[in-house]
Amino acid sequence: MSCACKGIRVCLICEKEKKELHRPGTDSENVEYAYCYLCNRAWKNENPYEIAQNHPNHSGEESLTVDGIMLIPDFVTEAEEQNVTKEIDNIPWIPSQSGRRKQDFGPKVNFKKKKVKIGNFQGFPHFVSFLAKRFEEIPLLRDFVPVELCNLEYVPERGSSIDRHLDDSWLWGERLVTINLLSNTVMTLSPVSESPPCSSIFVPLYRRSLLVLHAEARIRWYHAIHRKHVDSRRLAMTFRELSKEFLPGGEEEEMGKLLLSCAIYKNTDFYRIS
């Protein structure tokens, strides 16, 4: 089986060939915090999988707040998760880097050259339209209009992970919306600068939960999924909106209008292999 890793990216499939070992980072050697969605604070030296169970009696000796993290457990039901997973798996997967597979529904983008075109983008699978309606019930997402959906599959057999990074902010707007399916995992946040003095914040992503990164968490904190936090198959559905540059009054307003006109929901059969 081949993989899609390039450059320094590795997975379990290509690791031996490249004679490189996966380096998940140095968070285990530094100060660690765990995020509790019930008090919207991160607590030092607590277990991210048990953090909510300990609320409000956290044993952590210190805590901090990061503006821009919203976590909603049980955003979808078990039946909805089962149906969405079945529909996703009826769509062809494409190999991606670091042991992942992906499905992209959105424009074709060259972020380095800041160029974007419609490409093959012809809308989103119809079966996810109920999620867009549910977003409107959340005050933070009431005006959220997605123009990209990226489905990513993580499995331990391939050593799936994603290195720490900041999502593009030229094309994509402030809010990054992710639905976590099939298994629990942990997202690791690490500061772009050394202030506040914190190595990492572990955000528990519960099965069927919704995560929104925005504000400070979006632009001042890297986010990553480490291999050690993927112990069974996981599907991540990430929705992105347009930046102000592509909205009315922005320099790329006309392209923005074109992209929004494509962001409709099509019958699932459109994406299935004939």
C-alpha atoms as a PDB file:
ATOM      1  CA  MET A   1       0.000   0.000   0.000  1.00  0.00           C
ATOM      2  CA  SER A   2       1.383   3.420  -0.952  1.00  0.00           C
ATOM      3  CA  CYS A   3       0.879   6.710   0.864  1.00  0.00           C
ATOM      4  CA  ALA A   4       0.763  10.403  -0.027  1.00  0.00           C
ATOM      5  CA  CYS A   5       3.453  11.689   2.343  1.00  0.00           C
ATOM      6  CA  LYS A   6       5.837  14.345   1.008  1.00  0.00           C
ATOM      7  CA  GLY A   7       8.821  16.184   2.435  1.00  0.00           C
ATOM      8  CA  ILE A   8       9.105  15.663   6.184  1.00  0.00           C
ATOM      9  CA  ARG A   9       5.634  14.089   6.437  1.00  0.00           C
ATOM     10  CA  VAL A  10       5.606  10.426   7.443  1.00  0.00           C
ATOM     11  CA  CYS A  11       3.154   7.682   8.322  1.00  0.00           C
ATOM     12  CA  LEU A  12       3.554   4.057   9.382  1.00  0.00           C
ATOM     13  CA  ILE A  13       3.501   2.957   5.733  1.00  0.00           C
ATOM     14  CA  CYS A  14       6.487   5.033   4.591  1.00  0.00           C
ATOM     15  CA  GLU A  15       8.357   5.500   7.864  1.00  0.00           C
ATOM     16  CA  LYS A  16      10.624   2.507   7.382  1.00  0.00           C
ATOM     17  CA  GLU A  17      11.370   3.426   3.786  1.00  0.00           C
ATOM     18  CA  LYS A  18      12.392   6.951   4.774  1.00  0.00           C
ATOM     19  CA  LYS A  19      14.248   5.540   7.799  1.00  0.00           C
ATOM     20  CA  GLU A  20      12.651   8.235   9.914  1.00  0.00           C
ATOM     21  CA  LEU A  21      10.804   7.967  13.183  1.00  0.00           C
ATOM     22  CA  HIS A  22       7.633   9.914  13.788  1.00  0.00           C
ATOM     23  CA  ARG A  23       8.275  12.809  16.161  1.00  0.00           C
ATOM     24  CA  PRO A  24       5.016  13.834  17.799  1.00  0.00           C
ATOM     25  CA  GLY A  25       6.429  16.984  19.382  1.00  0.00           C
ATOM     26  CA  THR A  26       7.757  17.889  22.796  1.00  0.00           C
ATOM     27  CA  ASP A  27       4.496  18.489  24.662  1.00  0.00           C
ATOM     28  CA  SER A  28       5.221  15.575  27.034  1.00  0.00           C
ATOM     29  CA  GLU A  29       8.372  17.353  28.225  1.00  0.00           C
ATOM     30  CA  ASN A  30       6.707  20.665  29.042  1.00  0.00           C
ATOM     31  CA  VAL A  31       3.759  22.158  30.885  1.00  0.00           C
ATOM     32  CA  GLU A  32       0.451  20.575  29.869  1.00  0.00           C
ATOM     33  CA  TYR A  33      -3.081  21.835  30.386  1.00  0.00           C
ATOM     34  CA  ALA A  34      -6.430  20.175  29.692  1.00  0.00           C
ATOM     35  CA  TYR A  35      -9.463  22.132  28.502  1.00  0.00           C
ATOM     36  CA  CYS A  36     -12.806  21.858  30.299  1.00  0.00           C
ATOM     37  CA  TYR A  37     -15.748  22.951  28.163  1.00  0.00           C
ATOM     38  CA  LEU A  38     -17.971  23.345  31.248  1.00  0.00           C
ATOM     39  CA  CYS A  39     -15.932  26.207  32.702  1.00  0.00           C
ATOM     40  CA  ASN A  40     -14.153  27.220  29.483  1.00  0.00           C
ATOM     41  CA  ARG A  41     -10.769  27.030  31.180  1.00  0.00           C
ATOM     42  CA  ALA A  42      -7.667  24.864  30.775  1.00  0.00           C
ATOM     43  CA  TRP A  43      -6.272  23.234  33.913  1.00  0.00           C
ATOM     44  CA  LYS A  44      -2.647  22.297  34.524  1.00  0.00           C
ATOM     45  CA  ASN A  45      -1.684  18.633  34.766  1.00  0.00           C
ATOM     46  CA  GLU A  46      -5.198  17.174  34.357  1.00  0.00           C
ATOM     47  CA  ASN A  47      -6.212  14.238  32.172  1.00  0.00           C
ATOM     48  CA  PRO A  48      -7.990  15.578  29.058  1.00  0.00           C
ATOM     49  CA  TYR A  49     -10.279  12.528  28.906  1.00  0.00           C
ATOM     50  CA  GLU A  50     -11.411  13.030  32.516  1.00  0.00           C
ATOM     51  CA  ILE A  51     -11.358  16.822  32.768  1.00  0.00           C
ATOM     52  CA  ALA A  52     -15.130  17.344  32.403  1.00  0.00           C
ATOM     53  CA  GLN A  53     -15.870  14.589  34.929  1.00  0.00           C
ATOM     54  CA  ASN A  54     -13.882  16.506  37.548  1.00  0.00           C
ATOM     55  CA  HIS A  55     -15.756  19.778  37.027  1.00  0.00           C
ATOM     56  CA  PRO A  56     -16.153  21.913  39.093  1.00  0.00           C
ATOM     57  CA  ASN A  57     -13.669  20.348  41.529  1.00  0.00           C
ATOM     58  CA  HIS A  58     -10.589  20.476  39.331  1.00  0.00           C
ATOM     59  CA  SER A  59      -7.426  19.230  40.957  1.00  0.00           C
ATOM     60  CA  GLY A  60      -5.178  21.255  38.683  1.00  0.00           C
ATOM     61  CA  GLU A  61      -3.134  23.807  40.599  1.00  0.00           C
ATOM     62  CA  GLU A  62      -3.269  26.412  37.841  1.00  0.00           C
ATOM     63  CA  SER A  63      -5.656  27.340  35.057  1.00  0.00           C
ATOM     64  CA  LEU A  64      -5.802  29.690  32.091  1.00  0.00           C
ATOM     65  CA  THR A  65      -8.324  30.909  29.558  1.00  0.00           C
ATOM     66  CA  VAL A  66      -7.910  30.872  25.794  1.00  0.00           C
ATOM     67  CA  ASP A  67     -10.458  32.998  23.990  1.00  0.00           C
ATOM     68  CA  GLY A  68     -12.054  31.274  21.019  1.00  0.00           C
ATOM     69  CA  ILE A  69     -12.685  27.625  21.954  1.00  0.00           C
ATOM     70  CA  MET A  70     -16.250  26.316  21.844  1.00  0.00           C
ATOM     71  CA  LEU A  71     -16.917  22.613  22.353  1.00  0.00           C
ATOM     72  CA  ILE A  72     -20.405  21.085  22.224  1.00  0.00           C
ATOM     73  CA  PRO A  73     -20.653  17.364  23.096  1.00  0.00           C
ATOM     74  CA  ASP A  74     -23.345  15.226  21.425  1.00  0.00           C
ATOM     75  CA  PHE A  75     -23.875  17.691  18.603  1.00  0.00           C
ATOM     76  CA  VAL A  76     -25.151  14.802  16.478  1.00  0.00           C
ATOM     77  CA  THR A  77     -26.984  11.692  17.593  1.00  0.00           C
ATOM     78  CA  GLU A  78     -25.742   8.117  17.244  1.00  0.00           C
ATOM     79  CA  ALA A  79     -28.217   7.518  14.421  1.00  0.00           C
ATOM     80  CA  GLU A  80     -27.073  10.646  12.596  1.00  0.00           C
ATOM     81  CA  GLU A  81     -23.442   9.660  13.042  1.00  0.00           C
ATOM     82  CA  GLN A  82     -24.159   6.224  11.605  1.00  0.00           C
ATOM     83  CA  ASN A  83     -25.985   7.662   8.595  1.00  0.00           C
ATOM     84  CA  VAL A  84     -23.376  10.342   7.853  1.00  0.00           C
ATOM     85  CA  THR A  85     -20.534   7.819   8.147  1.00  0.00           C
ATOM     86  CA  LYS A  86     -22.272   5.470   5.726  1.00  0.00           C
ATOM     87  CA  GLU A  87     -22.816   8.285   3.220  1.00  0.00           C
ATOM     88  CA  ILE A  88     -19.220   9.511   3.546  1.00  0.00           C
ATOM     89  CA  ASP A  89     -17.876   6.029   2.877  1.00  0.00           C
ATOM     90  CA  ASN A  90     -19.935   5.871  -0.321  1.00  0.00           C
ATOM     91  CA  ILE A  91     -17.789   8.730  -1.668  1.00  0.00           C
ATOM     92  CA  PRO A  92     -14.278   7.967  -2.991  1.00  0.00           C
ATOM     93  CA  TRP A  93     -11.424   8.628  -0.578  1.00  0.00           C
ATOM     94  CA  ILE A  94      -8.145  10.215  -1.713  1.00  0.00           C
ATOM     95  CA  PRO A  95      -4.825   9.414   0.051  1.00  0.00           C
ATOM     96  CA  SER A  96      -3.484  12.363   2.062  1.00  0.00           C
ATOM     97  CA  GLN A  97      -0.293  13.037   3.972  1.00  0.00           C
ATOM     98  CA  SER A  98       0.637  11.727   7.422  1.00  0.00           C
ATOM     99  CA  GLY A  99      -1.449   8.576   7.138  1.00  0.00           C
ATOM    100  CA  ARG A 100      -4.784  10.252   6.469  1.00  0.00           C
ATOM    101  CA  ARG A 101      -7.376   9.963   3.709  1.00  0.00           C
ATOM    102  CA  LYS A 102      -9.473  12.912   2.587  1.00  0.00           C
ATOM    103  CA  GLN A 103     -12.499  14.153   0.673  1.00  0.00           C
ATOM    104  CA  ASP A 104     -12.494  17.813  -0.409  1.00  0.00           C
ATOM    105  CA  PHE A 105     -15.562  19.804  -1.365  1.00  0.00           C
ATOM    106  CA  GLY A 106     -14.447  23.329  -2.152  1.00  0.00           C
ATOM    107  CA  PRO A 107     -12.469  25.517  -4.558  1.00  0.00           C
ATOM    108  CA  LYS A 108      -9.000  24.772  -5.887  1.00  0.00           C
ATOM    109  CA  VAL A 109      -6.505  26.981  -4.044  1.00  0.00           C
ATOM    110  CA  ASN A 110      -2.832  27.926  -4.309  1.00  0.00           C
ATOM    111  CA  PHE A 111      -2.205  29.532  -0.937  1.00  0.00           C
ATOM    112  CA  LYS A 112       1.396  30.516  -1.684  1.00  0.00           C
ATOM    113  CA  LYS A 113       0.441  32.437  -4.816  1.00  0.00           C
ATOM    114  CA  LYS A 114      -2.915  33.522  -3.349  1.00  0.00           C
ATOM    115  CA  LYS A 115      -4.893  32.215  -6.276  1.00  0.00           C
ATOM    116  CA  VAL A 116      -8.251  30.499  -6.171  1.00  0.00           C
ATOM    117  CA  LYS A 117     -10.537  29.050  -8.826  1.00  0.00           C
ATOM    118  CA  ILE A 118     -13.714  27.018  -8.835  1.00  0.00           C
ATOM    119  CA  GLY A 119     -12.070  23.904 -10.289  1.00  0.00           C
ATOM    120  CA  ASN A 120     -14.370  20.905  -9.820  1.00  0.00           C
ATOM    121  CA  PHE A 121     -16.291  22.427  -6.930  1.00  0.00           C
ATOM    122  CA  GLN A 122     -19.986  21.817  -7.540  1.00  0.00           C
ATOM    123  CA  GLY A 123     -21.412  21.936  -4.053  1.00  0.00           C
ATOM    124  CA  PHE A 124     -21.634  19.797  -0.924  1.00  0.00           C
ATOM    125  CA  PRO A 125     -23.176  16.346  -0.430  1.00  0.00           C
ATOM    126  CA  HIS A 126     -26.856  16.795   0.353  1.00  0.00           C
ATOM    127  CA  PHE A 127     -26.734  14.547   3.425  1.00  0.00           C
ATOM    128  CA  VAL A 128     -24.805  17.192   5.411  1.00  0.00           C
ATOM    129  CA  SER A 129     -27.346  19.977   4.801  1.00  0.00           C
ATOM    130  CA  PHE A 130     -28.988  19.278   8.181  1.00  0.00           C
ATOM    131  CA  LEU A 131     -25.706  20.210   9.864  1.00  0.00           C
ATOM    132  CA  ALA A 132     -25.705  23.660   8.258  1.00  0.00           C
ATOM    133  CA  LYS A 133     -29.228  24.205   9.580  1.00  0.00           C
ATOM    134  CA  ARG A 134     -28.157  23.096  13.031  1.00  0.00           C
ATOM    135  CA  PHE A 135     -25.276  25.593  12.971  1.00  0.00           C
ATOM    136  CA  GLU A 136     -27.881  28.367  12.771  1.00  0.00           C
ATOM    137  CA  GLU A 137     -29.199  27.357  16.192  1.00  0.00           C
ATOM    138  CA  ILE A 138     -25.860  28.342  17.773  1.00  0.00           C
ATOM    139  CA  PRO A 139     -25.453  32.112  18.296  1.00  0.00           C
ATOM    140  CA  LEU A 140     -21.763  32.023  17.358  1.00  0.00           C
ATOM    141  CA  LEU A 141     -22.586  30.297  14.045  1.00  0.00           C
ATOM    142  CA  ARG A 142     -25.874  31.987  13.173  1.00  0.00           C
ATOM    143  CA  ASP A 143     -24.345  33.716  10.122  1.00  0.00           C
ATOM    144  CA  PHE A 144     -21.824  30.988   9.311  1.00  0.00           C
ATOM    145  CA  VAL A 145     -21.908  30.114   5.588  1.00  0.00           C
ATOM    146  CA  PRO A 146     -19.474  27.298   4.697  1.00  0.00           C
ATOM    147  CA  VAL A 147     -17.724  27.324   1.316  1.00  0.00           C
ATOM    148  CA  GLU A 148     -15.507  24.307   1.984  1.00  0.00           C
ATOM    149  CA  LEU A 149     -15.970  20.911   3.587  1.00  0.00           C
ATOM    150  CA  CYS A 150     -12.951  18.691   4.156  1.00  0.00           C
ATOM    151  CA  ASN A 151     -13.486  15.175   5.485  1.00  0.00           C
ATOM    152  CA  LEU A 152     -10.394  13.540   6.969  1.00  0.00           C
ATOM    153  CA  GLU A 153     -10.030   9.934   8.078  1.00  0.00           C
ATOM    154  CA  TYR A 154      -7.577   9.021  10.857  1.00  0.00           C
ATOM    155  CA  VAL A 155      -6.699   5.401  11.711  1.00  0.00           C
ATOM    156  CA  PRO A 156      -4.000   4.003  14.025  1.00  0.00           C
ATOM    157  CA  GLU A 157      -2.982   1.390  11.433  1.00  0.00           C
ATOM    158  CA  ARG A 158      -1.504   4.135   9.235  1.00  0.00           C
ATOM    159  CA  GLY A 159      -0.235   6.256  12.118  1.00  0.00           C
ATOM    160  CA  SER A 160      -2.564   9.090  11.113  1.00  0.00           C
ATOM    161  CA  SER A 161      -1.809  12.554  12.468  1.00  0.00           C
ATOM    162  CA  ILE A 162      -1.584  16.188  11.464  1.00  0.00           C
ATOM    163  CA  ASP A 163       1.342  18.407  12.446  1.00  0.00           C
ATOM    164  CA  ARG A 164       0.799  21.638  14.317  1.00  0.00           C
ATOM    165  CA  HIS A 165      -0.294  24.416  11.995  1.00  0.00           C
ATOM    166  CA  LEU A 166      -2.408  27.521  11.528  1.00  0.00           C
ATOM    167  CA  ASP A 167      -5.153  27.371   8.933  1.00  0.00           C
ATOM    168  CA  ASP A 168      -4.909  29.912   6.122  1.00  0.00           C
ATOM    169  CA  SER A 169      -6.506  33.282   6.871  1.00  0.00           C
ATOM    170  CA  TRP A 170      -6.309  34.836   3.367  1.00  0.00           C
ATOM    171  CA  LEU A 171      -9.200  32.777   1.974  1.00  0.00           C
ATOM    172  CA  TRP A 172     -10.693  31.192   5.088  1.00  0.00           C
ATOM    173  CA  GLY A 173     -12.535  33.243   7.684  1.00  0.00           C
ATOM    174  CA  GLU A 174     -12.282  33.397  11.435  1.00  0.00           C
ATOM    175  CA  ARG A 175     -14.385  30.381  12.405  1.00  0.00           C
ATOM    176  CA  LEU A 176     -13.190  26.805  11.863  1.00  0.00           C
ATOM    177  CA  VAL A 177     -15.962  24.298  12.537  1.00  0.00           C
ATOM    178  CA  THR A 178     -15.182  20.601  13.046  1.00  0.00           C
ATOM    179  CA  ILE A 179     -17.477  17.664  13.803  1.00  0.00           C
ATOM    180  CA  ASN A 180     -15.697  14.682  15.352  1.00  0.00           C
ATOM    181  CA  LEU A 181     -17.115  11.244  14.525  1.00  0.00           C
ATOM    182  CA  LEU A 182     -16.565   7.574  15.463  1.00  0.00           C
ATOM    183  CA  SER A 183     -14.071   7.969  18.324  1.00  0.00           C
ATOM    184  CA  ASN A 184     -12.713  10.289  21.000  1.00  0.00           C
ATOM    185  CA  THR A 185      -9.434  12.039  20.368  1.00  0.00           C
ATOM    186  CA  VAL A 186      -7.460  15.065  21.575  1.00  0.00           C
ATOM    187  CA  MET A 187      -6.534  18.238  19.736  1.00  0.00           C
ATOM    188  CA  THR A 188      -3.294  19.813  20.934  1.00  0.00           C
ATOM    189  CA  LEU A 189      -2.994  23.596  20.960  1.00  0.00           C
ATOM    190  CA  SER A 190       0.421  25.227  21.279  1.00  0.00           C
ATOM    191  CA  PRO A 191       1.100  28.980  21.327  1.00  0.00           C
ATOM    192  CA  VAL A 192       2.554  30.703  18.288  1.00  0.00           C
ATOM    193  CA  SER A 193       4.534  32.881  20.713  1.00  0.00           C
ATOM    194  CA  GLU A 194       5.738  32.056  24.218  1.00  0.00           C
ATOM    195  CA  SER A 195       3.096  34.185  25.888  1.00  0.00           C
ATOM    196  CA  PRO A 196       1.195  32.930  27.823  1.00  0.00           C
ATOM    197  CA  PRO A 197       3.920  30.628  29.210  1.00  0.00           C
ATOM    198  CA  CYS A 198       2.298  27.334  28.250  1.00  0.00           C
ATOM    199  CA  SER A 199       3.571  24.388  26.242  1.00  0.00           C
ATOM    200  CA  SER A 200       0.289  22.849  25.181  1.00  0.00           C
ATOM    201  CA  ILE A 201      -3.434  22.673  25.826  1.00  0.00           C
ATOM    202  CA  PHE A 202      -5.169  19.349  25.254  1.00  0.00           C
ATOM    203  CA  VAL A 203      -8.722  19.820  23.995  1.00  0.00           C
ATOM    204  CA  PRO A 204     -10.740  16.583  24.307  1.00  0.00           C
ATOM    205  CA  LEU A 205     -12.768  15.978  21.153  1.00  0.00           C
ATOM    206  CA  TYR A 206     -15.577  13.698  22.198  1.00  0.00           C
ATOM    207  CA  ARG A 207     -17.257  11.378  19.741  1.00  0.00           C
ATOM    208  CA  ARG A 208     -20.102  13.245  17.940  1.00  0.00           C
ATOM    209  CA  SER A 209     -18.967  16.618  19.319  1.00  0.00           C
ATOM    210  CA  LEU A 210     -18.670  19.996  17.593  1.00  0.00           C
ATOM    211  CA  LEU A 211     -15.559  22.163  17.950  1.00  0.00           C
ATOM    212  CA  VAL A 212     -15.304  25.792  16.873  1.00  0.00           C
ATOM    213  CA  LEU A 213     -11.939  27.566  16.859  1.00  0.00           C
ATOM    214  CA  HIS A 214     -12.113  31.336  16.428  1.00  0.00           C
ATOM    215  CA  ALA A 215     -10.605  34.578  17.750  1.00  0.00           C
ATOM    216  CA  GLU A 216      -7.371  33.987  19.729  1.00  0.00           C
ATOM    217  CA  ALA A 217      -7.506  30.187  19.397  1.00  0.00           C
ATOM    218  CA  ARG A 218      -7.698  30.561  15.617  1.00  0.00           C
ATOM    219  CA  ILE A 219      -4.770  32.914  15.010  1.00  0.00           C
ATOM    220  CA  ARG A 220      -2.459  32.701  18.038  1.00  0.00           C
ATOM    221  CA  TRP A 221      -2.453  28.978  18.725  1.00  0.00           C
ATOM    222  CA  TYR A 222      -1.266  26.165  16.476  1.00  0.00           C
ATOM    223  CA  HIS A 223      -3.477  23.071  16.459  1.00  0.00           C
ATOM    224  CA  ALA A 224      -2.511  19.455  15.838  1.00  0.00           C
ATOM    225  CA  ILE A 225      -3.695  15.865  16.197  1.00  0.00           C
ATOM    226  CA  HIS A 226      -0.867  13.640  17.439  1.00  0.00           C
ATOM    227  CA  ARG A 227      -0.572   9.986  16.494  1.00  0.00           C
ATOM    228  CA  LYS A 228      -0.679   8.936  20.135  1.00  0.00           C
ATOM    229  CA  HIS A 229      -4.210  10.342  20.420  1.00  0.00           C
ATOM    230  CA  VAL A 230      -5.642   8.245  17.562  1.00  0.00           C
ATOM    231  CA  ASP A 231      -6.511   4.803  18.918  1.00  0.00           C
ATOM    232  CA  SER A 232      -9.369   3.875  16.555  1.00  0.00           C
ATOM    233  CA  ARG A 233     -10.934   5.132  13.329  1.00  0.00           C
ATOM    234  CA  ARG A 234     -11.887   8.808  13.461  1.00  0.00           C
ATOM    235  CA  LEU A 235     -13.643  11.022  10.913  1.00  0.00           C
ATOM    236  CA  ALA A 236     -13.250  14.796  11.088  1.00  0.00           C
ATOM    237  CA  MET A 237     -15.637  16.988   9.100  1.00  0.00           C
ATOM    238  CA  THR A 238     -14.245  20.534   8.923  1.00  0.00           C
ATOM    239  CA  PHE A 239     -16.269  23.402   7.491  1.00  0.00           C
ATOM    240  CA  ARG A 240     -14.664  26.728   6.517  1.00  0.00           C
ATOM    241  CA  GLU A 241     -16.118  30.129   5.661  1.00  0.00           C
ATOM    242  CA  LEU A 242     -14.786  33.005   3.537  1.00  0.00           C
ATOM    243  CA  SER A 243     -12.515  35.699   4.913  1.00  0.00           C
ATOM    244  CA  LYS A 244     -13.519  39.386   4.812  1.00  0.00           C
ATOM    245  CA  GLU A 245     -11.401  39.830   1.692  1.00  0.00           C
ATOM    246  CA  PHE A 246     -13.930  37.690  -0.224  1.00  0.00           C
ATOM    247  CA  LEU A 247     -17.050  39.258   1.266  1.00  0.00           C
ATOM    248  CA  PRO A 248     -18.870  42.463   0.160  1.00  0.00           C
ATOM    249  CA  GLY A 249     -16.419  45.369   0.252  1.00  0.00           C
ATOM    250  CA  GLY A 250     -13.340  43.144   0.038  1.00  0.00           C
ATOM    251  CA  GLU A 251     -10.822  43.068  -2.811  1.00  0.00           C
ATOM    252  CA  GLU A 252     -11.953  39.586  -3.859  1.00  0.00           C
ATOM    253  CA  GLU A 253     -15.685  40.269  -3.541  1.00  0.00           C
ATOM    254  CA  GLU A 254     -16.540  39.010  -7.039  1.00  0.00           C
ATOM    255  CA  MET A 255     -14.728  35.715  -6.542  1.00  0.00           C
ATOM    256  CA  GLY A 256     -16.452  35.431  -3.186  1.00  0.00           C
ATOM    257  CA  LYS A 257     -19.850  35.746  -4.840  1.00  0.00           C
ATOM    258  CA  LEU A 258     -18.915  33.015  -7.282  1.00  0.00           C
ATOM    259  CA  LEU A 259     -17.742  30.687  -4.524  1.00  0.00           C
ATOM    260  CA  LEU A 260     -20.895  31.267  -2.500  1.00  0.00           C
ATOM    261  CA  SER A 261     -23.022  30.505  -5.554  1.00  0.00           C
ATOM    262  CA  CYS A 262     -21.344  27.081  -5.717  1.00  0.00           C
ATOM    263  CA  ALA A 263     -21.817  26.323  -2.020  1.00  0.00           C
ATOM    264  CA  ILE A 264     -25.069  24.401  -2.420  1.00  0.00           C
ATOM    265  CA  TYR A 265     -26.076  20.876  -1.453  1.00  0.00           C
ATOM    266  CA  LYS A 266     -26.314  18.247  -4.192  1.00  0.00           C
ATOM    267  CA  ASN A 267     -27.789  14.780  -4.199  1.00  0.00           C
ATOM    268  CA  THR A 268     -25.329  12.265  -2.750  1.00  0.00           C
ATOM    269  CA  ASP A 269     -25.461  10.128  -5.907  1.00  0.00           C
ATOM    270  CA  PHE A 270     -23.544  12.884  -7.682  1.00  0.00           C
ATOM    271  CA  TYR A 271     -20.416  11.909  -5.710  1.00  0.00           C
ATOM    272  CA  ARG A 272     -20.696   8.129  -5.843  1.00  0.00           C
ATOM    273  CA  ILE A 273     -18.580   5.922  -8.055  1.00  0.00           C
ATOM    274  CA  SER A 274     -20.659   4.744 -11.011  1.00  0.00           C
END
